[in-house]
Amino acid sequence: MSDVQIRINEMHKEIQVALKKRKDLSQVIKDAFLGRKEYQDLMEDLEKLRARKKEIETGLRQEYASEFNDLDSVKLDVKDMKMVLSDLMWNELLKNNSIEVVDEYENHYVPEVVV
């Protein structure tokens, strides 16, 4: 067996030992949390709050269904427009043309390609 192969095997064993230690330590910490009454009470309260939050969100989604649908539509439109913009810009860059975008505050943006 070559020196490299021996080192690979040694590192694999070291990783396995470290993973076992991590697992053991995680279990000790988890047990410590679960052993605290205050922590358990807080976790129960948190679950109740999450359930209530979900109820409120569901109600709002039903009440404002059209707005949520419009929001989803706008998100998709923006994603599609960004993809088209990216394609247009890449095509121009590949043709060695310069590109500059100016926003409503007269800020100038020039893309930089880093390889």
Protein backbone atom coordinates (compact mmCIF):
# COMPACT_ATOMS: atom_id res chain seq x y z
CA MET A 1 0.00 0.00 0.00
CA SER A 2 1.35 3.43 -0.94
CA ASP A 3 2.00 6.22 1.54
CA VAL A 4 -0.89 8.19 0.10
CA GLN A 5 -3.27 5.25 0.46
CA ILE A 6 -2.13 4.74 4.06
CA ARG A 7 -2.71 8.44 4.80
CA ILE A 8 -6.16 8.27 3.17
CA ASN A 9 -7.10 5.32 5.40
CA GLU A 10 -5.77 7.11 8.49
CA MET A 11 -7.72 10.26 7.68
CA HIS A 12 -10.86 8.21 7.10
CA LYS A 13 -10.47 6.64 10.54
CA GLU A 14 -9.87 10.07 12.12
CA ILE A 15 -13.02 11.39 10.47
CA GLN A 16 -15.05 8.44 11.75
CA VAL A 17 -13.75 9.01 15.29
CA ALA A 18 -14.58 12.73 15.07
CA LEU A 19 -18.08 11.98 13.74
CA LYS A 20 -18.75 9.60 16.63
CA LYS A 21 -17.51 12.19 19.11
CA ARG A 22 -19.75 14.82 17.51
CA LYS A 23 -22.74 12.49 17.73
CA ASP A 24 -22.05 11.68 21.39
CA LEU A 25 -21.61 15.35 22.32
CA SER A 26 -24.78 16.31 20.46
CA GLN A 27 -26.72 13.68 22.39
CA VAL A 28 -25.35 14.94 25.72
CA ILE A 29 -26.38 18.50 24.85
CA LYS A 30 -29.81 17.37 23.64
CA ASP A 31 -30.36 15.42 26.86
CA ALA A 32 -29.31 18.46 28.90
CA PHE A 33 -31.91 20.62 27.16
CA LEU A 34 -34.63 18.01 27.54
CA GLY A 35 -33.77 17.68 31.23
CA ARG A 36 -34.74 21.30 31.88
CA LYS A 37 -38.40 21.87 32.68
CA GLU A 38 -38.26 25.51 31.62
CA TYR A 39 -36.89 24.49 28.21
CA GLN A 40 -39.65 21.92 27.73
CA ASP A 41 -42.30 24.49 28.69
CA LEU A 42 -40.87 26.99 26.23
CA MET A 43 -40.83 24.39 23.47
CA GLU A 44 -44.50 23.61 24.12
CA ASP A 45 -45.36 27.32 24.06
CA LEU A 46 -43.40 27.70 20.85
CA GLU A 47 -45.36 24.90 19.20
CA LYS A 48 -48.64 26.55 20.24
CA LEU A 49 -47.46 29.89 18.86
CA ARG A 50 -46.39 28.29 15.58
CA ALA A 51 -49.81 26.67 15.24
CA ARG A 52 -51.55 29.99 15.94
CA LYS A 53 -49.29 31.77 13.45
CA LYS A 54 -50.20 29.18 10.83
CA GLU A 55 -53.92 29.73 11.52
CA ILE A 56 -53.53 33.49 11.08
CA GLU A 57 -51.51 33.08 7.88
CA THR A 58 -54.08 30.68 6.44
CA GLY A 59 -56.89 33.10 7.25
CA LEU A 60 -55.06 35.99 5.63
CA ARG A 61 -54.25 33.91 2.55
CA GLN A 62 -57.95 33.13 2.16
CA GLU A 63 -59.05 36.71 2.80
CA TYR A 64 -56.44 38.19 0.45
CA ALA A 65 -56.28 35.34 -2.08
CA SER A 66 -56.22 37.60 -5.13
CA GLU A 67 -53.38 39.71 -3.70
CA PHE A 68 -51.34 36.61 -2.92
CA ASN A 69 -51.97 35.31 -6.45
CA ASP A 70 -50.92 38.67 -7.89
CA LEU A 71 -47.80 38.62 -5.71
CA ASP A 72 -46.86 35.16 -6.97
CA SER A 73 -47.44 36.31 -10.54
CA VAL A 74 -45.27 39.40 -10.07
CA LYS A 75 -42.50 37.29 -8.51
CA LEU A 76 -42.52 34.99 -11.55
CA ASP A 77 -42.55 37.97 -13.92
CA VAL A 78 -39.54 39.52 -12.19
CA LYS A 79 -37.68 36.22 -12.28
CA ASP A 80 -38.39 35.83 -16.00
CA MET A 81 -37.41 39.43 -16.75
CA LYS A 82 -34.13 39.01 -14.86
CA MET A 83 -33.37 35.89 -16.88
CA VAL A 84 -34.05 37.70 -20.18
CA LEU A 85 -31.97 40.68 -19.03
CA SER A 86 -29.13 38.37 -18.09
CA ASP A 87 -29.27 36.65 -21.48
CA LEU A 88 -29.30 39.98 -23.32
CA MET A 89 -26.36 41.27 -21.30
CA TRP A 90 -24.33 38.10 -21.80
CA ASN A 91 -24.97 38.23 -25.54
CA GLU A 92 -23.72 41.80 -25.65
CA LEU A 93 -20.68 40.99 -23.52
CA LEU A 94 -19.80 38.05 -25.75
CA LYS A 95 -19.90 40.44 -28.72
CA ASN A 96 -17.41 42.66 -26.83
CA ASN A 97 -19.98 45.44 -26.53
CA SER A 98 -20.02 47.55 -23.39
CA ILE A 99 -23.09 47.63 -21.18
CA GLU A 100 -24.22 50.30 -18.78
CA VAL A 101 -27.45 50.50 -16.81
CA VAL A 102 -28.66 53.78 -15.30
CA ASP A 103 -31.26 53.72 -12.52
CA GLU A 104 -33.81 56.39 -11.56
CA TYR A 105 -31.24 58.08 -9.27
CA GLU A 106 -28.71 58.43 -12.11
CA ASN A 107 -26.50 55.70 -10.65
CA HIS A 108 -24.49 53.98 -13.37
CA TYR A 109 -23.92 50.23 -13.24
CA VAL A 110 -21.40 48.41 -15.38
CA PRO A 111 -21.23 44.62 -15.08
CA GLU A 112 -17.88 43.04 -14.34
CA VAL A 113 -17.10 39.49 -15.34
CA VAL A 114 -14.59 37.74 -13.12
CA VAL A 115 -13.23 34.35 -14.07
